Amino acid sequence: MNQKILEEIGLTKGEIKVYLTLLKTGETTTGEIIKEAQISSGKIYEILDKLIAKGLASYIIKEKTKYFQASSPNRILDYFHEKEFSLKQKEQEIEKELPSLLSLEKQGKKDTKPIYFKDSKDSEQQYTKH
């Protein structure tokens, strides 16, 4: 498994370890995940919460114990498409703001003129006024 591609779409190394562990083990408890994925017990719930938020994991409660499982690997592609859609929306927002940003840039360039002065050693220095 090329884990680099999972990193490139936004999963952390910890999320990848836990997700792959869940795929291998099936429905399991945090104790087993910690042991198999070699993740600290302090980080496991944070990682699982992030995977659940991304739709890559879920849990059920049996006899007052949470059992976690991985979502189908097909869900990774859905997650990728959701990120892609979100980026497209952000691109459209940036395109809307671009004229005002370009306007600000033009205003800043109007005031930029080099000013020459002599320092205490009588050598000419250049200072650009912003």
Protein backbone atom coordinates (compact mmCIF):
# COMPACT_ATOMS: atom_id res chain seq x y z
CA MET A 1 0.00 0.00 0.00
CA ASN A 2 1.37 3.37 -1.05
CA GLN A 3 0.75 5.36 2.12
CA LYS A 4 2.17 8.53 0.54
CA ILE A 5 -0.97 8.94 -1.57
CA LEU A 6 -3.11 8.86 1.58
CA GLU A 7 -0.90 11.57 3.10
CA GLU A 8 -1.24 13.65 -0.04
CA ILE A 9 -5.03 13.66 0.20
CA GLY A 10 -4.93 14.88 3.79
CA LEU A 11 -4.54 11.94 6.16
CA THR A 12 -1.94 12.12 8.89
CA LYS A 13 0.52 9.29 9.49
CA GLY A 14 -1.39 8.37 12.64
CA GLU A 15 -4.71 8.32 10.79
CA ILE A 16 -3.19 6.09 8.11
CA LYS A 17 -1.80 3.65 10.70
CA VAL A 18 -5.13 3.43 12.50
CA TYR A 19 -7.19 3.15 9.32
CA LEU A 20 -5.01 0.34 7.94
CA THR A 21 -5.12 -1.40 11.30
CA LEU A 22 -8.91 -1.19 11.31
CA LEU A 23 -9.04 -2.63 7.80
CA LYS A 24 -6.85 -5.58 8.87
CA THR A 25 -8.48 -6.31 12.22
CA GLY A 26 -12.10 -5.52 11.49
CA GLU A 27 -14.34 -4.50 14.36
CA THR A 28 -12.13 -3.95 17.42
CA THR A 29 -11.56 -1.96 20.61
CA THR A 30 -9.10 0.87 21.19
CA GLY A 31 -6.81 -1.47 23.14
CA GLU A 32 -6.28 -3.66 20.10
CA ILE A 33 -5.83 -0.64 17.82
CA ILE A 34 -3.20 0.83 20.14
CA LYS A 35 -1.31 -2.44 20.20
CA GLU A 36 -1.49 -3.14 16.45
CA ALA A 37 -0.97 0.42 15.16
CA GLN A 38 1.54 1.32 17.88
CA ILE A 39 -0.29 4.56 18.66
CA SER A 40 -0.18 6.14 22.11
CA SER A 41 -3.30 5.77 24.19
CA GLY A 42 -3.45 9.55 24.57
CA LYS A 43 -3.78 10.03 20.78
CA ILE A 44 -6.07 7.16 19.82
CA TYR A 45 -9.42 8.88 20.45
CA GLU A 46 -8.30 12.05 18.68
CA ILE A 47 -7.27 10.02 15.64
CA LEU A 48 -10.43 7.93 15.67
CA ASP A 49 -12.57 11.07 15.94
CA LYS A 50 -10.82 12.53 12.89
CA LEU A 51 -11.31 9.32 10.91
CA ILE A 52 -14.98 9.26 11.87
CA ALA A 53 -15.37 12.93 10.83
CA LYS A 54 -13.80 12.06 7.46
CA GLY A 55 -16.17 9.14 7.07
CA LEU A 56 -13.37 6.59 7.15
CA ALA A 57 -14.32 4.88 10.41
CA SER A 58 -17.33 4.23 12.60
CA TYR A 59 -18.18 2.54 15.87
CA ILE A 60 -20.87 0.59 17.62
CA ILE A 61 -21.40 0.04 21.32
CA LYS A 62 -21.67 -3.50 22.63
CA GLU A 63 -22.09 -4.15 26.34
CA LYS A 64 -20.93 -0.59 27.16
CA THR A 65 -17.75 -0.95 25.06
CA LYS A 66 -17.03 0.92 21.81
CA TYR A 67 -15.95 -1.20 18.88
CA PHE A 68 -14.43 0.64 15.93
CA GLN A 69 -14.26 -0.42 12.31
CA ALA A 70 -12.94 1.00 9.06
CA SER A 71 -15.25 2.21 6.35
CA SER A 72 -14.87 0.59 2.95
CA PRO A 73 -11.73 1.67 1.08
CA ASN A 74 -14.12 2.98 -1.59
CA ARG A 75 -14.90 5.74 0.91
CA ILE A 76 -11.38 7.12 0.41
CA LEU A 77 -12.32 8.12 -3.11
CA ASP A 78 -15.50 9.77 -1.84
CA TYR A 79 -13.40 11.67 0.73
CA PHE A 80 -11.06 12.78 -2.05
CA HIS A 81 -13.98 14.05 -4.15
CA GLU A 82 -15.36 15.96 -1.15
CA LYS A 83 -11.99 17.66 -0.68
CA GLU A 84 -11.82 18.39 -4.39
CA PHE A 85 -15.29 19.98 -4.30
CA SER A 86 -14.32 22.06 -1.26
CA LEU A 87 -11.16 23.28 -3.02
CA LYS A 88 -13.19 24.26 -6.09
CA GLN A 89 -15.49 26.33 -3.87
CA LYS A 90 -12.49 28.04 -2.28
CA GLU A 91 -11.05 28.71 -5.74
CA GLN A 92 -14.30 30.43 -6.74
CA GLU A 93 -14.21 32.55 -3.57
CA ILE A 94 -10.62 33.58 -4.29
CA GLU A 95 -11.54 34.47 -7.88
CA LYS A 96 -14.28 36.77 -6.51
CA GLU A 97 -11.79 38.47 -4.18
CA LEU A 98 -9.03 38.76 -6.77
CA PRO A 99 -10.11 42.17 -8.18
CA SER A 100 -10.00 43.78 -4.73
CA LEU A 101 -6.61 42.19 -4.01
CA LEU A 102 -5.24 43.44 -7.32
CA SER A 103 -6.60 46.88 -6.51
CA LEU A 104 -4.76 46.86 -3.19
CA GLU A 105 -1.58 45.85 -4.97
CA LYS A 106 -1.90 48.78 -7.39
CA GLN A 107 -2.41 51.22 -4.51
CA GLY A 108 0.76 50.03 -2.85
CA LYS A 109 2.84 50.43 -5.99
CA LYS A 110 1.85 54.11 -6.45
CA ASP A 111 3.74 55.17 -3.34
CA THR A 112 6.96 53.25 -4.00
CA LYS A 113 9.72 55.64 -5.06
CA PRO A 114 13.41 55.31 -4.33
CA ILE A 115 14.83 57.96 -2.04
CA TYR A 116 18.57 58.62 -1.93
CA PHE A 117 20.40 59.87 1.12
CA LYS A 118 23.96 60.13 2.39
CA ASP A 119 24.97 58.34 5.50
CA SER A 120 27.54 59.57 7.99
CA LYS A 121 30.38 58.07 5.90
CA ASP A 122 29.39 60.18 2.85
CA SER A 123 28.42 57.13 0.78
CA GLU A 124 25.17 57.23 -1.11
CA GLN A 125 22.49 54.82 0.09
CA GLN A 126 19.15 53.94 -1.47
CA TYR A 127 16.02 53.56 0.59
CA THR A 128 12.72 52.54 -0.95
CA LYS A 129 9.72 54.19 0.61
CA HIS A 130 6.72 51.90 1.12
